[in-house]
Amino acid sequence: MQGNGAPPAGTGRPFLLRADDMVGGVILLFCAAVFAITTTFDEVPAMLSQGIPPTQFPRLLVGVIAFLVVVMMIQARGKEAVEMKRVPTVAFATVGFLALFVAAIDWIGTFAAIFLFCLALPVLWGERRYAWIVVFAVLLPISIYILFSKVLGVRFPAGFFESFTG
């Protein structure tokens, strides 16, 4: 964009920052901030490390997110910008519900919180096939437990109630 607010030379239209670029930029900034936070984690000696070390797992996750965001931004190139619609109220309710979920992990434990989250979130989004919701709420925490606890050796917060069981 030229300093006088005119469109780029030869285009005949104003320069617009695409929504994909704005959202992607915000997510990439978030990823950079999270990665910077992981540099403050204590390093665990290799012989004491079980599965993926605490410094590497978040970096791996942030790297995957950043890669997918860059792919999204590249795919958006050359496509016509569309008018953005108002964010539905359920999106804000979902963010609030996710915050409650994270807060509940320390109190009721990871897998109990995941189970309750998997029960409530589909209902919040309007799903009414309750039998499928229950199947989902049972199978997802079991799958997460097997993958992360058994295969990758990641330990999850037990929570207040789970401390009485073992």
Protein backbone atom coordinates (compact mmCIF):
# COMPACT_ATOMS: atom_id res chain seq x y z
CA MET A 1 0.00 0.00 0.00
CA GLN A 2 1.37 3.38 -0.89
CA GLY A 3 1.85 5.99 1.80
CA ASN A 4 -1.11 8.07 0.57
CA GLY A 5 -3.67 5.28 1.04
CA ALA A 6 -3.94 4.61 -2.68
CA PRO A 7 -4.14 1.07 -3.99
CA PRO A 8 -0.93 -0.66 -5.09
CA ALA A 9 0.18 0.61 -8.49
CA GLY A 10 -1.49 -1.13 -11.39
CA THR A 11 -4.14 -3.05 -9.41
CA GLY A 12 -6.96 -0.53 -9.43
CA ARG A 13 -8.27 -1.88 -6.11
CA PRO A 14 -7.37 -1.27 -2.47
CA PHE A 15 -5.02 -3.60 -0.64
CA LEU A 16 -6.97 -5.80 1.78
CA LEU A 17 -5.54 -7.96 4.51
CA ARG A 18 -7.34 -11.27 4.22
CA ALA A 19 -9.07 -12.84 7.23
CA ASP A 20 -6.97 -16.00 6.79
CA ASP A 21 -3.82 -13.90 7.06
CA MET A 22 -5.07 -12.04 10.14
CA VAL A 23 -6.17 -15.18 11.96
CA GLY A 24 -3.07 -17.06 10.83
CA GLY A 25 -0.83 -14.25 12.05
CA VAL A 26 -2.50 -14.22 15.46
CA ILE A 27 -2.16 -18.01 15.77
CA LEU A 28 1.50 -17.87 14.69
CA LEU A 29 2.16 -15.18 17.33
CA PHE A 30 0.47 -17.42 19.91
CA CYS A 31 2.63 -20.37 18.78
CA ALA A 32 5.79 -18.24 19.07
CA ALA A 33 4.79 -17.14 22.59
CA VAL A 34 4.09 -20.73 23.69
CA PHE A 35 7.38 -21.90 22.19
CA ALA A 36 9.19 -19.11 24.08
CA ILE A 37 7.52 -20.25 27.30
CA THR A 38 8.79 -23.80 26.73
CA THR A 39 12.36 -22.50 26.75
CA THR A 40 11.88 -21.74 30.46
CA PHE A 41 11.01 -25.36 31.29
CA ASP A 42 13.55 -27.35 33.28
CA GLU A 43 15.40 -29.90 31.17
CA VAL A 44 14.88 -33.49 32.33
CA PRO A 45 17.95 -35.74 32.07
CA ALA A 46 17.50 -38.37 29.36
CA MET A 47 17.83 -41.26 31.81
CA LEU A 48 14.99 -39.85 33.96
CA SER A 49 12.75 -38.92 31.06
CA GLN A 50 9.74 -41.16 30.49
CA GLY A 51 8.35 -40.98 26.97
CA ILE A 52 8.47 -37.50 25.47
CA PRO A 53 10.27 -34.96 27.70
CA PRO A 54 8.19 -32.04 29.02
CA THR A 55 10.09 -29.58 26.82
CA GLN A 56 9.63 -31.49 23.57
CA PHE A 57 5.91 -32.38 23.61
CA PRO A 58 4.59 -28.79 23.67
CA ARG A 59 7.16 -27.77 21.06
CA LEU A 60 6.06 -30.63 18.83
CA LEU A 61 2.40 -29.68 19.26
CA VAL A 62 3.08 -25.96 18.60
CA GLY A 63 5.18 -26.88 15.55
CA VAL A 64 2.34 -28.94 14.07
CA ILE A 65 -0.14 -26.12 14.71
CA ALA A 66 2.19 -23.54 13.13
CA PHE A 67 2.77 -25.79 10.10
CA LEU A 68 -0.97 -26.26 9.57
CA VAL A 69 -1.57 -22.50 9.90
CA VAL A 70 1.06 -21.77 7.26
CA VAL A 71 -0.57 -24.36 4.97
CA MET A 72 -3.94 -22.63 5.54
CA MET A 73 -2.46 -19.25 4.69
CA ILE A 74 -0.81 -20.57 1.52
CA GLN A 75 -4.04 -22.25 0.38
CA ALA A 76 -5.92 -18.97 0.86
CA ARG A 77 -3.63 -17.14 -1.58
CA GLY A 78 -5.33 -16.15 -4.81
CA LYS A 79 -8.83 -16.83 -3.53
CA GLU A 80 -11.42 -14.10 -3.44
CA ALA A 81 -11.91 -12.55 -0.01
CA VAL A 82 -15.36 -13.12 1.42
CA GLU A 83 -17.23 -10.92 3.83
CA MET A 84 -16.78 -12.09 7.39
CA LYS A 85 -19.92 -13.03 9.29
CA ARG A 86 -20.67 -12.37 12.93
CA VAL A 87 -19.20 -14.96 15.30
CA PRO A 88 -22.02 -17.13 16.70
CA THR A 89 -22.72 -16.95 20.41
CA VAL A 90 -22.02 -20.66 20.75
CA ALA A 91 -18.37 -19.96 19.84
CA PHE A 92 -17.98 -17.76 22.91
CA ALA A 93 -19.83 -20.31 25.04
CA THR A 94 -17.41 -22.96 23.77
CA VAL A 95 -14.40 -20.84 24.81
CA GLY A 96 -15.90 -20.38 28.28
CA PHE A 97 -16.67 -24.07 28.53
CA LEU A 98 -13.10 -24.92 27.50
CA ALA A 99 -11.78 -22.63 30.25
CA LEU A 100 -13.98 -24.47 32.78
CA PHE A 101 -12.67 -27.79 31.45
CA VAL A 102 -9.05 -26.73 31.95
CA ALA A 103 -9.83 -25.47 35.46
CA ALA A 104 -11.60 -28.73 36.33
CA ILE A 105 -8.65 -30.96 35.38
CA ASP A 106 -6.76 -30.36 38.63
CA TRP A 107 -9.88 -30.88 40.71
CA ILE A 108 -11.57 -33.91 39.14
CA GLY A 109 -8.68 -35.31 37.09
CA THR A 110 -7.83 -35.39 33.44
CA PHE A 111 -9.93 -38.30 32.28
CA ALA A 112 -13.01 -37.40 34.29
CA ALA A 113 -12.78 -33.86 32.88
CA ILE A 114 -12.38 -35.18 29.33
CA PHE A 115 -15.39 -37.47 29.83
CA LEU A 116 -17.59 -34.62 31.09
CA PHE A 117 -16.31 -32.31 28.34
CA CYS A 118 -17.18 -34.93 25.71
CA LEU A 119 -20.67 -35.28 27.18
CA ALA A 120 -21.45 -31.58 27.41
CA LEU A 121 -19.80 -30.04 24.35
CA PRO A 122 -21.85 -31.87 21.70
CA VAL A 123 -25.03 -30.95 23.57
CA LEU A 124 -23.89 -27.30 23.67
CA TRP A 125 -23.38 -27.48 19.89
CA GLY A 126 -26.91 -28.85 19.37
CA GLU A 127 -26.29 -32.57 18.99
CA ARG A 128 -29.26 -34.60 20.22
CA ARG A 129 -28.22 -38.19 19.45
CA TYR A 130 -27.47 -38.91 23.10
CA ALA A 131 -26.46 -42.54 22.63
CA TRP A 132 -23.68 -41.48 20.22
CA ILE A 133 -22.61 -38.74 22.61
CA VAL A 134 -22.18 -41.31 25.40
CA VAL A 135 -20.21 -43.62 23.08
CA PHE A 136 -17.99 -40.68 22.11
CA ALA A 137 -17.58 -39.60 25.76
CA VAL A 138 -16.45 -43.10 26.74
CA LEU A 139 -14.24 -43.95 23.76
CA LEU A 140 -12.32 -40.67 23.42
CA PRO A 141 -10.89 -40.61 26.98
CA ILE A 142 -9.99 -44.31 26.69
CA SER A 143 -8.24 -43.66 23.36
CA ILE A 144 -6.37 -40.68 24.79
CA TYR A 145 -5.34 -42.73 27.82
CA ILE A 146 -4.02 -45.58 25.69
CA LEU A 147 -2.16 -43.33 23.25
CA PHE A 148 -0.64 -40.87 25.68
CA SER A 149 -0.30 -42.82 28.94
CA LYS A 150 0.56 -46.26 27.60
CA VAL A 151 2.22 -45.62 24.23
CA LEU A 152 3.91 -42.23 24.79
CA GLY A 153 4.38 -42.51 28.56
CA VAL A 154 2.83 -39.10 29.34
CA ARG A 155 1.52 -38.64 32.89
CA PHE A 156 -1.67 -36.66 33.44
CA PRO A 157 -2.83 -34.80 36.57
CA ALA A 158 -4.75 -37.25 38.74
CA GLY A 159 -7.04 -34.69 40.36
CA PHE A 160 -8.54 -34.48 43.83
CA PHE A 161 -11.06 -37.32 43.46
CA GLU A 162 -8.64 -39.72 41.74
CA SER A 163 -6.15 -39.34 44.60
CA PHE A 164 -8.51 -41.43 46.78
CA THR A 165 -8.56 -44.38 44.37
CA GLY A 166 -4.92 -45.26 44.26
